[in-house]
Amino acid sequence: MARLDLIFSDKELKALDQKQRAALTKQAIRLVRTSPDIRNIIKKDPKIRKKLKTKLRPMFSRLKKK
């Protein structure tokens, strides 16, 4: 959920080794999962909610059948 190439330039990412990029990715994922700011963006933007709902619909349908 956290694509570093959308946040940092290629030049910035190339300055990090693989282990450092992995640590940065892990931190970005944690931030996306726990950030109130991210939740507020999702809450306020119906387009984002619609896209998320579309992506989650198959899982919802599978769970609902059980």
Protein backbone atom coordinates (compact mmCIF):
# COMPACT_ATOMS: atom_id res chain seq x y z
CA MET A 1 0.00 0.00 0.00
CA ALA A 2 2.96 2.24 0.31
CA ARG A 3 4.74 2.68 -2.99
CA LEU A 4 7.95 4.52 -2.30
CA ASP A 5 8.41 5.41 -5.97
CA LEU A 6 5.32 7.61 -5.69
CA ILE A 7 6.76 9.41 -2.67
CA PHE A 8 10.50 9.61 -3.38
CA SER A 9 12.41 10.15 -6.62
CA ASP A 10 14.41 7.37 -8.24
CA LYS A 11 17.59 9.24 -7.34
CA GLU A 12 16.61 9.34 -3.66
CA LEU A 13 15.73 5.65 -3.60
CA LYS A 14 18.94 4.64 -5.37
CA ALA A 15 20.88 6.31 -2.55
CA LEU A 16 19.53 3.63 -0.19
CA ASP A 17 20.59 0.00 -0.13
CA GLN A 18 18.05 -2.85 -0.23
CA LYS A 19 17.89 -3.19 3.56
CA GLN A 20 17.29 0.54 4.01
CA ARG A 21 14.54 0.56 1.35
CA ALA A 22 12.89 -2.39 3.08
CA ALA A 23 12.97 -0.52 6.41
CA LEU A 24 11.52 2.58 4.75
CA THR A 25 8.77 0.51 3.12
CA LYS A 26 7.92 -1.12 6.44
CA GLN A 27 7.66 2.30 8.10
CA ALA A 28 5.51 3.65 5.26
CA ILE A 29 3.12 0.70 5.54
CA ARG A 30 2.87 1.20 9.31
CA LEU A 31 2.15 4.88 8.78
CA VAL A 32 -0.58 4.19 6.21
CA ARG A 33 -2.21 1.63 8.51
CA THR A 34 -2.16 3.75 11.65
CA SER A 35 -2.23 7.40 10.61
CA PRO A 36 -5.30 9.45 11.55
CA ASP A 37 -4.38 11.79 8.68
CA ILE A 38 -4.72 8.94 6.17
CA ARG A 39 -8.06 7.91 7.70
CA ASN A 40 -9.29 11.50 7.38
CA ILE A 41 -8.30 11.62 3.72
CA ILE A 42 -10.25 8.42 3.08
CA LYS A 43 -13.19 9.65 5.13
CA LYS A 44 -13.44 12.97 3.30
CA ASP A 45 -12.94 11.73 -0.28
CA PRO A 46 -15.82 9.72 -1.78
CA LYS A 47 -13.71 8.80 -4.83
CA ILE A 48 -11.14 7.08 -2.64
CA ARG A 49 -13.86 5.29 -0.65
CA LYS A 50 -15.48 4.10 -3.89
CA LYS A 51 -12.15 2.75 -5.18
CA LEU A 52 -11.46 0.97 -1.90
CA LYS A 53 -14.95 -0.50 -1.84
CA THR A 54 -14.48 -1.80 -5.38
CA LYS A 55 -11.19 -3.41 -4.43
CA LEU A 56 -12.63 -4.93 -1.24
CA ARG A 57 -15.92 -6.14 -2.78
CA PRO A 58 -14.68 -9.65 -3.76
CA MET A 59 -13.41 -10.34 -0.25
CA PHE A 60 -16.59 -8.94 1.28
CA SER A 61 -18.69 -11.20 -0.93
CA ARG A 62 -16.64 -14.28 -0.01
CA LEU A 63 -16.93 -13.50 3.68
CA LYS A 64 -20.64 -12.82 3.44
CA LYS A 65 -21.30 -16.28 1.95
CA LYS A 66 -19.89 -18.06 5.01
